[in-house]
PDB file of N, CA and C in Angstrom:
ATOM      1  N   MET A   1      15.384  83.051 125.226  1.00  0.00           N
ATOM      2  CA  MET A   1      16.650  81.835 125.412  1.00  0.00           C
ATOM      3  C   MET A   1      17.068  81.991 124.565  1.00  0.00           C
ATOM      4  N   THR A   2      18.269  82.480 124.766  1.00  0.00           N
ATOM      5  CA  THR A   2      19.416  82.408 123.708  1.00  0.00           C
ATOM      6  C   THR A   2      20.319  81.720 123.441  1.00  0.00           C
ATOM      7  N   ALA A   3      20.810  81.526 122.223  1.00  0.00           N
ATOM      8  CA  ALA A   3      22.046  79.967 121.988  1.00  0.00           C
ATOM      9  C   ALA A   3      23.127  80.634 122.618  1.00  0.00           C
ATOM     10  N   THR A   4      24.076  79.323 123.352  1.00  0.00           N
ATOM     11  CA  THR A   4      25.126  79.460 123.288  1.00  0.00           C
ATOM     12  C   THR A   4      26.008  78.696 122.626  1.00  0.00           C
ATOM     13  N   GLY A   5      27.499  78.836 122.445  1.00  0.00           N
ATOM     14  CA  GLY A   5      27.798  78.266 121.415  1.00  0.00           C
ATOM     15  C   GLY A   5      29.205  78.956 120.759  1.00  0.00           C
ATOM     16  N   PRO A   6      29.736  78.144 119.758  1.00  0.00           N
ATOM     17  CA  PRO A   6      30.933  78.977 119.151  1.00  0.00           C
ATOM     18  C   PRO A   6      30.129  80.177 118.356  1.00  0.00           C
ATOM     19  N   THR A   7      30.889  81.150 117.637  1.00  0.00           N
ATOM     20  CA  THR A   7      30.470  81.669 116.199  1.00  0.00           C
ATOM     21  C   THR A   7      31.365  81.497 115.213  1.00  0.00           C
ATOM     22  N   SER A   8      30.740  81.692 113.968  1.00  0.00           N
ATOM     23  CA  SER A   8      31.061  81.219 112.759  1.00  0.00           C
ATOM     24  C   SER A   8      32.739  81.241 113.070  1.00  0.00           C
ATOM     25  N   LYS A   9      33.644  81.972 113.465  1.00  0.00           N
ATOM     26  CA  LYS A   9      34.718  81.716 113.677  1.00  0.00           C
ATOM     27  C   LYS A   9      35.355  81.597 114.792  1.00  0.00           C
ATOM     28  N   GLU A  10      34.720  81.007 115.512  1.00  0.00           N
ATOM     29  CA  GLU A  10      35.205  79.992 115.734  1.00  0.00           C
ATOM     30  C   GLU A  10      35.620  78.690 115.471  1.00  0.00           C
ATOM     31  N   PRO A  11      36.417  77.870 115.837  1.00  0.00           N
ATOM     32  CA  PRO A  11      36.038  76.341 114.896  1.00  0.00           C
ATOM     33  C   PRO A  11      35.152  75.223 116.000  1.00  0.00           C
ATOM     34  N   LEU A  12      34.568  74.276 116.038  1.00  0.00           N
ATOM     35  CA  LEU A  12      33.705  73.751 116.391  1.00  0.00           C
ATOM     36  C   LEU A  12      34.539  72.844 117.660  1.00  0.00           C
ATOM     37  N   TRP A  13      36.215  72.604 117.305  1.00  0.00           N
ATOM     38  CA  TRP A  13      36.933  71.558 117.705  1.00  0.00           C
ATOM     39  C   TRP A  13      38.481  72.158 117.579  1.00  0.00           C
ATOM     40  N   ASN A  14      39.355  71.952 117.967  1.00  0.00           N
ATOM     41  CA  ASN A  14      40.752  72.704 117.725  1.00  0.00           C
ATOM     42  C   ASN A  14      41.483  71.163 116.815  1.00  0.00           C
ATOM     43  N   GLU A  15      41.522  71.830 115.825  1.00  0.00           N
ATOM     44  CA  GLU A  15      42.012  70.359 114.720  1.00  0.00           C
ATOM     45  C   GLU A  15      42.824  71.418 113.967  1.00  0.00           C
ATOM     46  N   SER A  16      43.852  70.539 113.665  1.00  0.00           N
ATOM     47  CA  SER A  16      45.231  71.482 112.521  1.00  0.00           C
ATOM     48  C   SER A  16      44.762  71.051 111.066  1.00  0.00           C
ATOM     49  N   PRO A  17      45.065  72.007 110.517  1.00  0.00           N
ATOM     50  CA  PRO A  17      44.824  72.029 109.218  1.00  0.00           C
ATOM     51  C   PRO A  17      45.545  70.511 108.638  1.00  0.00           C
ATOM     52  N   MET A  18      44.372  69.981 107.482  1.00  0.00           N
ATOM     53  CA  MET A  18      44.847  68.205 107.218  1.00  0.00           C
ATOM     54  C   MET A  18      46.514  69.039 106.588  1.00  0.00           C
ATOM     55  N   PRO A  19      46.960  67.981 106.733  1.00  0.00           N
ATOM     56  CA  PRO A  19      48.719  68.025 106.547  1.00  0.00           C
ATOM     57  C   PRO A  19      48.449  67.725 105.048  1.00  0.00           C
ATOM     58  N   ASN A  20      49.426  68.189 104.118  1.00  0.00           N
ATOM     59  CA  ASN A  20      50.139  68.206 102.710  1.00  0.00           C
ATOM     60  C   ASN A  20      51.140  67.916 102.286  1.00  0.00           C
ATOM     61  N   PRO A  21      51.036  66.781 101.511  1.00  0.00           N
ATOM     62  CA  PRO A  21      52.275  66.099 101.106  1.00  0.00           C
ATOM     63  C   PRO A  21      53.448  66.896 100.688  1.00  0.00           C
ATOM     64  N   ALA A  22      53.095  68.390  99.819  1.00  0.00           N
ATOM     65  CA  ALA A  22      53.610  69.152  99.439  1.00  0.00           C
ATOM     66  C   ALA A  22      54.281  70.079 100.904  1.00  0.00           C
ATOM     67  N   GLN A  23      54.403  69.654 102.027  1.00  0.00           N
ATOM     68  CA  GLN A  23      54.857  70.211 102.904  1.00  0.00           C
ATOM     69  C   GLN A  23      55.964  69.796 102.970  1.00  0.00           C
ATOM     70  N   LEU A  24      56.181  68.642 102.618  1.00  0.00           N
ATOM     71  CA  LEU A  24      57.147  67.770 102.762  1.00  0.00           C
ATOM     72  C   LEU A  24      59.243  68.074 102.151  1.00  0.00           C
ATOM     73  N   GLU A  25      58.287  69.242 100.953  1.00  0.00           N
ATOM     74  CA  GLU A  25      59.544  69.218  99.483  1.00  0.00           C
ATOM     75  C   GLU A  25      60.552  69.797 100.022  1.00  0.00           C
ATOM     76  N   THR A  26      60.821  70.555 101.274  1.00  0.00           N
ATOM     77  CA  THR A  26      61.822  71.076 101.916  1.00  0.00           C
ATOM     78  C   THR A  26      63.270  70.128 102.833  1.00  0.00           C
ATOM     79  N   LEU A  27      62.401  68.960 103.022  1.00  0.00           N
ATOM     80  CA  LEU A  27      62.668  68.068 103.854  1.00  0.00           C
ATOM     81  C   LEU A  27      63.403  66.345 102.860  1.00  0.00           C
ATOM     82  N   ASP A  28      65.274  66.687 103.718  1.00  0.00           N
ATOM     83  CA  ASP A  28      65.816  65.703 102.763  1.00  0.00           C
ATOM     84  C   ASP A  28      65.552  64.123 103.275  1.00  0.00           C
ATOM     85  N   LEU A  29      64.502  63.685 102.792  1.00  0.00           N
ATOM     86  CA  LEU A  29      64.195  62.091 103.171  1.00  0.00           C
ATOM     87  C   LEU A  29      64.732  60.674 102.453  1.00  0.00           C
ATOM     88  N   LYS A  30      65.032  60.279 103.628  1.00  0.00           N
ATOM     89  CA  LYS A  30      65.925  58.380 103.278  1.00  0.00           C
ATOM     90  C   LYS A  30      65.179  57.391 104.005  1.00  0.00           C
ATOM     91  N   VAL A  31      64.262  56.883 102.958  1.00  0.00           N
ATOM     92  CA  VAL A  31      63.724  56.012 102.998  1.00  0.00           C
ATOM     93  C   VAL A  31      64.097  54.162 103.083  1.00  0.00           C
ATOM     94  N   PHE A  32      64.491  53.868 104.181  1.00  0.00           N
ATOM     95  CA  PHE A  32      65.152  52.447 104.579  1.00  0.00           C
ATOM     96  C   PHE A  32      64.389  51.856 104.631  1.00  0.00           C
ATOM     97  N   SER A  33      64.464  50.402 103.538  1.00  0.00           N
ATOM     98  CA  SER A  33      63.489  49.737 102.985  1.00  0.00           C
ATOM     99  C   SER A  33      64.234  48.475 102.578  1.00  0.00           C
ATOM    100  N   ALA A  34      62.966  47.373 102.047  1.00  0.00           N
ATOM    101  CA  ALA A  34      63.579  46.077 101.308  1.00  0.00           C
ATOM    102  C   ALA A  34      62.498  46.035 100.628  1.00  0.00           C
ATOM    103  N   THR A  35      62.694  45.037  99.252  1.00  0.00           N
ATOM    104  CA  THR A  35      62.083  44.845  98.094  1.00  0.00           C
ATOM    105  C   THR A  35      60.824  44.211  98.639  1.00  0.00           C
ATOM    106  N   TRP A  36      61.356  43.569  99.741  1.00  0.00           N
ATOM    107  CA  TRP A  36      60.455  42.321  99.966  1.00  0.00           C
ATOM    108  C   TRP A  36      59.425  42.330 100.860  1.00  0.00           C
ATOM    109  N   CYS A  37      59.449  43.372 101.255  1.00  0.00           N
ATOM    110  CA  CYS A  37      58.859  44.134 102.479  1.00  0.00           C
ATOM    111  C   CYS A  37      57.103  45.027 102.472  1.00  0.00           C
ATOM    112  N   PRO A  38      56.374  44.073 102.508  1.00  0.00           N
ATOM    113  CA  PRO A  38      54.644  44.845 102.071  1.00  0.00           C
ATOM    114  C   PRO A  38      54.641  46.589 102.466  1.00  0.00           C
ATOM    115  N   ASP A  39      54.874  46.681 103.785  1.00  0.00           N
ATOM    116  CA  ASP A  39      54.918  47.086 104.470  1.00  0.00           C
ATOM    117  C   ASP A  39      55.391  48.846 103.489  1.00  0.00           C
ATOM    118  N   CYS A  40      56.902  48.635 103.562  1.00  0.00           N
ATOM    119  CA  CYS A  40      57.586  48.935 102.643  1.00  0.00           C
ATOM    120  C   CYS A  40      57.381  49.454 100.815  1.00  0.00           C
ATOM    121  N   ARG A  41      56.704  48.464 100.280  1.00  0.00           N
ATOM    122  CA  ARG A  41      56.164  48.459  98.953  1.00  0.00           C
ATOM    123  C   ARG A  41      55.020  49.885  99.372  1.00  0.00           C
ATOM    124  N   ARG A  42      54.043  49.751 100.234  1.00  0.00           N
ATOM    125  CA  ARG A  42      52.968  50.668 100.618  1.00  0.00           C
ATOM    126  C   ARG A  42      53.533  52.156 100.813  1.00  0.00           C
ATOM    127  N   LEU A  43      54.740  52.195 101.407  1.00  0.00           N
ATOM    128  CA  LEU A  43      54.805  53.630 101.620  1.00  0.00           C
ATOM    129  C   LEU A  43      55.194  53.833 100.399  1.00  0.00           C
ATOM    130  N   GLU A  44      56.514  53.315  99.638  1.00  0.00           N
ATOM    131  CA  GLU A  44      56.877  53.950  98.501  1.00  0.00           C
ATOM    132  C   GLU A  44      55.819  54.292  97.361  1.00  0.00           C
ATOM    133  N   ARG A  45      54.984  53.402  97.243  1.00  0.00           N
ATOM    134  CA  ARG A  45      54.215  53.224  96.331  1.00  0.00           C
ATOM    135  C   ARG A  45      53.128  55.287  96.912  1.00  0.00           C
ATOM    136  N   TRP A  46      53.050  55.374  97.839  1.00  0.00           N
ATOM    137  CA  TRP A  46      52.263  56.514  98.727  1.00  0.00           C
ATOM    138  C   TRP A  46      53.069  57.732  98.356  1.00  0.00           C
ATOM    139  N   LEU A  47      54.506  57.332  98.584  1.00  0.00           N
ATOM    140  CA  LEU A  47      55.446  58.267  98.198  1.00  0.00           C
ATOM    141  C   LEU A  47      55.458  58.595  96.768  1.00  0.00           C
ATOM    142  N   ALA A  48      55.337  57.709  96.227  1.00  0.00           N
ATOM    143  CA  ALA A  48      55.452  58.290  94.358  1.00  0.00           C
ATOM    144  C   ALA A  48      54.264  58.812  93.846  1.00  0.00           C
ATOM    145  N   GLU A  49      53.230  58.219  94.280  1.00  0.00           N
ATOM    146  CA  GLU A  49      51.608  58.974  93.893  1.00  0.00           C
ATOM    147  C   GLU A  49      51.694  60.515  94.683  1.00  0.00           C
ATOM    148  N   SER A  50      52.305  60.528  95.582  1.00  0.00           N
ATOM    149  CA  SER A  50      52.189  61.930  96.124  1.00  0.00           C
ATOM    150  C   SER A  50      52.992  62.676  95.580  1.00  0.00           C
ATOM    151  N   GLY A  51      54.266  62.384  94.938  1.00  0.00           N
ATOM    152  CA  GLY A  51      54.938  63.336  94.697  1.00  0.00           C
ATOM    153  C   GLY A  51      56.082  64.055  95.462  1.00  0.00           C
ATOM    154  N   VAL A  52      56.189  63.130  96.246  1.00  0.00           N
ATOM    155  CA  VAL A  52      56.847  63.222  97.643  1.00  0.00           C
ATOM    156  C   VAL A  52      58.379  62.970  97.481  1.00  0.00           C
ATOM    157  N   LYS A  53      59.473  63.994  97.279  1.00  0.00           N
ATOM    158  CA  LYS A  53      60.969  63.396  96.962  1.00  0.00           C
ATOM    159  C   LYS A  53      61.642  62.993  97.958  1.00  0.00           C
ATOM    160  N   HIS A  54      62.130  61.503  97.652  1.00  0.00           N
ATOM    161  CA  HIS A  54      63.089  61.108  98.523  1.00  0.00           C
ATOM    162  C   HIS A  54      63.928  60.363  97.981  1.00  0.00           C
ATOM    163  N   THR A  55      64.903  59.424  98.849  1.00  0.00           N
ATOM    164  CA  THR A  55      65.950  58.703  98.884  1.00  0.00           C
ATOM    165  C   THR A  55      65.996  57.613  99.149  1.00  0.00           C
ATOM    166  N   SER A  56      65.421  55.971  98.114  1.00  0.00           N
ATOM    167  CA  SER A  56      65.061  54.780  98.567  1.00  0.00           C
ATOM    168  C   SER A  56      66.600  54.557  98.966  1.00  0.00           C
ATOM    169  N   VAL A  57      66.579  52.954 100.688  1.00  0.00           N
ATOM    170  CA  VAL A  57      68.056  52.976 100.705  1.00  0.00           C
ATOM    171  C   VAL A  57      67.777  51.056 101.264  1.00  0.00           C
ATOM    172  N   ASP A  58      67.827  50.588 100.203  1.00  0.00           N
ATOM    173  CA  ASP A  58      67.679  49.212 100.281  1.00  0.00           C
ATOM    174  C   ASP A  58      68.596  48.105 101.210  1.00  0.00           C
ATOM    175  N   ILE A  59      68.173  48.480 102.672  1.00  0.00           N
ATOM    176  CA  ILE A  59      69.003  47.723 103.478  1.00  0.00           C
ATOM    177  C   ILE A  59      69.332  46.193 103.245  1.00  0.00           C
ATOM    178  N   GLU A  60      68.919  45.552 102.045  1.00  0.00           N
ATOM    179  CA  GLU A  60      69.637  44.515 101.645  1.00  0.00           C
ATOM    180  C   GLU A  60      70.974  44.750 100.462  1.00  0.00           C
ATOM    181  N   THR A  61      71.105  45.633  99.938  1.00  0.00           N
ATOM    182  CA  THR A  61      72.030  45.807  98.852  1.00  0.00           C
ATOM    183  C   THR A  61      72.610  47.171  99.122  1.00  0.00           C
ATOM    184  N   GLU A  62      72.575  47.867 100.137  1.00  0.00           N
ATOM    185  CA  GLU A  62      73.143  49.184 100.489  1.00  0.00           C
ATOM    186  C   GLU A  62      74.375  48.602 101.965  1.00  0.00           C
ATOM    187  N   PRO A  63      75.699  48.563 101.700  1.00  0.00           N
ATOM    188  CA  PRO A  63      76.565  48.412 102.540  1.00  0.00           C
ATOM    189  C   PRO A  63      76.457  49.010 103.876  1.00  0.00           C
ATOM    190  N   GLY A  64      76.262  48.740 104.993  1.00  0.00           N
ATOM    191  CA  GLY A  64      75.957  49.116 106.428  1.00  0.00           C
ATOM    192  C   GLY A  64      74.514  49.985 106.558  1.00  0.00           C
ATOM    193  N   ALA A  65      73.831  49.874 105.492  1.00  0.00           N
ATOM    194  CA  ALA A  65      72.495  50.340 106.005  1.00  0.00           C
ATOM    195  C   ALA A  65      71.599  49.975 106.838  1.00  0.00           C
ATOM    196  N   ALA A  66      71.862  48.697 107.039  1.00  0.00           N
ATOM    197  CA  ALA A  66      70.672  48.063 107.934  1.00  0.00           C
ATOM    198  C   ALA A  66      71.698  48.105 109.606  1.00  0.00           C
ATOM    199  N   GLU A  67      72.882  48.236 109.237  1.00  0.00           N
ATOM    200  CA  GLU A  67      73.492  48.030 110.485  1.00  0.00           C
ATOM    201  C   GLU A  67      73.376  49.524 110.887  1.00  0.00           C
ATOM    202  N   ARG A  68      73.336  50.868 110.428  1.00  0.00           N
ATOM    203  CA  ARG A  68      72.914  52.021 110.575  1.00  0.00           C
ATOM    204  C   ARG A  68      71.660  52.135 110.879  1.00  0.00           C
ATOM    205  N   LEU A  69      71.018  51.261 110.623  1.00  0.00           N
ATOM    206  CA  LEU A  69      69.139  51.645 110.916  1.00  0.00           C
ATOM    207  C   LEU A  69      69.176  51.226 112.300  1.00  0.00           C
ATOM    208  N   GLU A  70      69.451  50.069 112.656  1.00  0.00           N
ATOM    209  CA  GLU A  70      69.712  49.024 113.784  1.00  0.00           C
ATOM    210  C   GLU A  70      70.625  50.011 114.996  1.00  0.00           C
ATOM    211  N   ALA A  71      71.608  50.475 114.448  1.00  0.00           N
ATOM    212  CA  ALA A  71      72.299  51.384 115.105  1.00  0.00           C
ATOM    213  C   ALA A  71      71.698  52.483 116.150  1.00  0.00           C
ATOM    214  N   GLU A  72      70.709  53.392 114.854  1.00  0.00           N
ATOM    215  CA  GLU A  72      70.729  54.629 115.301  1.00  0.00           C
ATOM    216  C   GLU A  72      69.044  54.382 116.174  1.00  0.00           C
ATOM    217  N   THR A  73      68.353  53.314 115.597  1.00  0.00           N
ATOM    218  CA  THR A  73      67.077  53.416 115.830  1.00  0.00           C
ATOM    219  C   THR A  73      67.121  52.440 116.950  1.00  0.00           C
ATOM    220  N   GLY A  74      68.168  51.474 117.577  1.00  0.00           N
ATOM    221  CA  GLY A  74      67.755  50.086 118.042  1.00  0.00           C
ATOM    222  C   GLY A  74      66.717  48.882 117.171  1.00  0.00           C
ATOM    223  N   LYS A  75      66.268  49.320 116.435  1.00  0.00           N
ATOM    224  CA  LYS A  75      65.019  48.686 115.525  1.00  0.00           C
ATOM    225  C   LYS A  75      65.761  48.006 114.567  1.00  0.00           C
ATOM    226  N   ARG A  76      64.897  46.978 113.921  1.00  0.00           N
ATOM    227  CA  ARG A  76      65.214  45.895 112.634  1.00  0.00           C
ATOM    228  C   ARG A  76      63.891  46.185 112.075  1.00  0.00           C
ATOM    229  N   ALA A  77      63.112  46.844 112.414  1.00  0.00           N
ATOM    230  CA  ALA A  77      61.759  47.009 111.778  1.00  0.00           C
ATOM    231  C   ALA A  77      62.046  47.613 110.417  1.00  0.00           C
ATOM    232  N   ILE A  78      61.437  47.817 109.470  1.00  0.00           N
ATOM    233  CA  ILE A  78      61.166  48.762 108.276  1.00  0.00           C
ATOM    234  C   ILE A  78      60.122  48.877 107.811  1.00  0.00           C
ATOM    235  N   PRO A  79      59.530  50.116 107.121  1.00  0.00           N
ATOM    236  CA  PRO A  79      60.215  50.991 107.135  1.00  0.00           C
ATOM    237  C   PRO A  79      60.627  51.839 107.396  1.00  0.00           C
ATOM    238  N   PHE A  80      62.052  52.539 108.093  1.00  0.00           N
ATOM    239  CA  PHE A  80      61.990  53.852 108.828  1.00  0.00           C
ATOM    240  C   PHE A  80      62.553  54.686 107.652  1.00  0.00           C
ATOM    241  N   ILE A  81      62.233  56.262 108.382  1.00  0.00           N
ATOM    242  CA  ILE A  81      62.404  57.229 107.305  1.00  0.00           C
ATOM    243  C   ILE A  81      63.833  58.084 107.976  1.00  0.00           C
ATOM    244  N   LEU A  82      64.419  58.622 107.544  1.00  0.00           N
ATOM    245  CA  LEU A  82      65.047  59.329 108.011  1.00  0.00           C
ATOM    246  C   LEU A  82      65.085  60.933 107.641  1.00  0.00           C
ATOM    247  N   VAL A  83      64.961  61.841 108.875  1.00  0.00           N
ATOM    248  CA  VAL A  83      64.509  63.018 108.161  1.00  0.00           C
ATOM    249  C   VAL A  83      65.770  63.861 108.327  1.00  0.00           C
ATOM    250  N   ASN A  84      66.715  64.737 107.152  1.00  0.00           N
ATOM    251  CA  ASN A  84      67.136  65.645 107.386  1.00  0.00           C
ATOM    252  C   ASN A  84      68.824  65.435 108.285  1.00  0.00           C
ATOM    253  N   ASP A  85      68.925  63.923 107.598  1.00  0.00           N
ATOM    254  CA  ASP A  85      69.807  62.964 108.260  1.00  0.00           C
ATOM    255  C   ASP A  85      69.751  62.854 110.168  1.00  0.00           C
ATOM    256  N   HIS A  86      69.258  63.803 110.770  1.00  0.00           N
ATOM    257  CA  HIS A  86      69.160  63.359 112.036  1.00  0.00           C
ATOM    258  C   HIS A  86      68.338  62.641 112.996  1.00  0.00           C
ATOM    259  N   ALA A  87      66.487  62.830 112.501  1.00  0.00           N
ATOM    260  CA  ALA A  87      65.573  62.182 113.147  1.00  0.00           C
ATOM    261  C   ALA A  87      65.102  60.862 112.389  1.00  0.00           C
ATOM    262  N   TRP A  88      64.687  59.638 113.019  1.00  0.00           N
ATOM    263  CA  TRP A  88      64.172  58.798 112.397  1.00  0.00           C
ATOM    264  C   TRP A  88      62.775  58.905 112.671  1.00  0.00           C
ATOM    265  N   VAL A  89      61.750  58.274 111.741  1.00  0.00           N
ATOM    266  CA  VAL A  89      60.296  58.172 111.716  1.00  0.00           C
ATOM    267  C   VAL A  89      59.773  56.912 111.144  1.00  0.00           C
ATOM    268  N   ARG A  90      59.003  56.362 112.190  1.00  0.00           N
ATOM    269  CA  ARG A  90      58.784  54.716 111.308  1.00  0.00           C
ATOM    270  C   ARG A  90      57.458  55.131 110.386  1.00  0.00           C
ATOM    271  N   GLY A  91      57.910  54.148 109.139  1.00  0.00           N
ATOM    272  CA  GLY A  91      57.151  54.444 108.400  1.00  0.00           C
ATOM    273  C   GLY A  91      55.936  53.609 108.267  1.00  0.00           C
ATOM    274  N   TYR A  92      55.421  53.299 109.015  1.00  0.00           N
ATOM    275  CA  TYR A  92      54.571  52.375 108.697  1.00  0.00           C
ATOM    276  C   TYR A  92      53.568  52.717 110.105  1.00  0.00           C
ATOM    277  N   HIS A  93      52.580  52.690 110.582  1.00  0.00           N
ATOM    278  CA  HIS A  93      51.593  52.599 111.597  1.00  0.00           C
ATOM    279  C   HIS A  93      51.282  51.010 111.861  1.00  0.00           C
ATOM    280  N   ARG A  94      51.615  50.369 112.927  1.00  0.00           N
ATOM    281  CA  ARG A  94      51.171  48.837 113.218  1.00  0.00           C
ATOM    282  C   ARG A  94      49.858  48.824 113.788  1.00  0.00           C
ATOM    283  N   GLU A  95      49.593  49.944 114.362  1.00  0.00           N
ATOM    284  CA  GLU A  95      48.703  50.082 115.609  1.00  0.00           C
ATOM    285  C   GLU A  95      47.196  50.057 114.742  1.00  0.00           C
ATOM    286  N   LEU A  96      47.290  50.506 113.304  1.00  0.00           N
ATOM    287  CA  LEU A  96      46.109  50.619 112.251  1.00  0.00           C
ATOM    288  C   LEU A  96      46.092  49.492 111.595  1.00  0.00           C
ATOM    289  N   PRO A  97      44.699  49.207 110.963  1.00  0.00           N
ATOM    290  CA  PRO A  97      44.645  47.988 110.551  1.00  0.00           C
ATOM    291  C   PRO A  97      45.140  48.310 108.607  1.00  0.00           C
ATOM    292  N   GLN A  98      44.925  49.304 108.182  1.00  0.00           N
ATOM    293  CA  GLN A  98      45.880  49.917 107.478  1.00  0.00           C
ATOM    294  C   GLN A  98      47.086  49.916 107.036  1.00  0.00           C
ATOM    295  N   ARG A  99      47.566  49.757 108.284  1.00  0.00           N
ATOM    296  CA  ARG A  99      49.172  50.141 108.555  1.00  0.00           C
ATOM    297  C   ARG A  99      49.659  50.996 108.165  1.00  0.00           C
ATOM    298  N   LEU A 100      48.919  52.414 106.952  1.00  0.00           N
ATOM    299  CA  LEU A 100      49.610  53.320 106.852  1.00  0.00           C
ATOM    300  C   LEU A 100      48.365  54.654 107.180  1.00  0.00           C
ATOM    301  N   ASP A 101      48.793  55.774 107.593  1.00  0.00           N
ATOM    302  CA  ASP A 101      48.057  56.639 107.430  1.00  0.00           C
ATOM    303  C   ASP A 101      48.687  57.832 107.036  1.00  0.00           C
ATOM    304  N   PRO A 102      48.541  58.556 105.651  1.00  0.00           N
ATOM    305  CA  PRO A 102      49.255  59.425 105.012  1.00  0.00           C
ATOM    306  C   PRO A 102      49.220  61.116 105.676  1.00  0.00           C
ATOM    307  N   ASP A 103      48.082  61.010 106.129  1.00  0.00           N
ATOM    308  CA  ASP A 103      47.976  62.504 107.575  1.00  0.00           C
ATOM    309  C   ASP A 103      49.195  62.254 108.456  1.00  0.00           C
ATOM    310  N   LEU A 104      48.633  61.301 109.323  1.00  0.00           N
ATOM    311  CA  LEU A 104      49.424  60.759 110.604  1.00  0.00           C
ATOM    312  C   LEU A 104      50.970  61.163 109.832  1.00  0.00           C
ATOM    313  N   LEU A 105      51.134  60.326 108.836  1.00  0.00           N
ATOM    314  CA  LEU A 105      52.917  60.451 108.310  1.00  0.00           C
ATOM    315  C   LEU A 105      53.762  61.514 108.238  1.00  0.00           C
ATOM    316  N   VAL A 106      52.342  62.569 107.372  1.00  0.00           N
ATOM    317  CA  VAL A 106      53.106  63.665 107.492  1.00  0.00           C
ATOM    318  C   VAL A 106      53.229  64.500 108.411  1.00  0.00           C
ATOM    319  N   ARG A 107      52.507  64.766 109.370  1.00  0.00           N
ATOM    320  CA  ARG A 107      52.781  64.812 110.534  1.00  0.00           C
ATOM    321  C   ARG A 107      53.746  64.952 111.234  1.00  0.00           C
ATOM    322  N   GLU A 108      54.187  63.554 111.194  1.00  0.00           N
ATOM    323  CA  GLU A 108      54.950  62.892 112.046  1.00  0.00           C
ATOM    324  C   GLU A 108      56.307  63.451 111.627  1.00  0.00           C
ATOM    325  N   LEU A 109      56.425  63.359 110.246  1.00  0.00           N
ATOM    326  CA  LEU A 109      57.834  63.529 108.874  1.00  0.00           C
ATOM    327  C   LEU A 109      57.918  64.926 109.680  1.00  0.00           C
ATOM    328  N   LEU A 110      56.876  66.408 109.740  1.00  0.00           N
ATOM    329  CA  LEU A 110      57.010  67.754 110.095  1.00  0.00           C
ATOM    330  C   LEU A 110      57.195  67.950 111.171  1.00  0.00           C
ATOM    331  N   ALA A 111      56.813  67.095 112.576  1.00  0.00           N
ATOM    332  CA  ALA A 111      57.137  67.021 113.807  1.00  0.00           C
ATOM    333  C   ALA A 111      58.770  66.945 113.869  1.00  0.00           C
ATOM    334  N   ALA A 112      59.501  65.763 113.572  1.00  0.00           N
ATOM    335  CA  ALA A 112      60.917  65.438 113.128  1.00  0.00           C
ATOM    336  C   ALA A 112      61.739  66.288 112.608  1.00  0.00           C
ATOM    337  N   ALA A 113      61.468  67.395 112.011  1.00  0.00           N
ATOM    338  CA  ALA A 113      62.388  68.246 111.280  1.00  0.00           C
ATOM    339  C   ALA A 113      61.726  69.411 111.820  1.00  0.00           C
ATOM    340  N   GLY A 114      61.060  68.998 112.865  1.00  0.00           N
ATOM    341  CA  GLY A 114      61.031  71.041 113.895  1.00  0.00           C
ATOM    342  C   GLY A 114      59.686  71.856 113.323  1.00  0.00           C
ATOM    343  N   GLU A 115      59.366  71.165 112.358  1.00  0.00           N
ATOM    344  CA  GLU A 115      58.421  72.148 111.515  1.00  0.00           C
ATOM    345  C   GLU A 115      57.119  71.987 111.975  1.00  0.00           C
TER     346      GLU A 115
END
């Protein structure tokens, strides 16, 4: 009897490599947030710890920021990340207990940038 299944060169399942925050270094990221927002603080902390370059846009103090966010996304929730000035990505994962999955966020940001 011979065993059948994947060879050592074939993966057991079709999975992309783990995303790396360093892959975001070429992107222009603007994080629309506010100081009172716990999801915003969680995102900002992860970005800082991961060394991800970004610009913080405080919707409470930056004139027109909240209006732009709502006009372009149709949402009032924060944080949102503007990628390369053309695509918006939600900066939290409300469906997850921990509210932020860094690997998923990196994939979403790269997809929004077309990478």
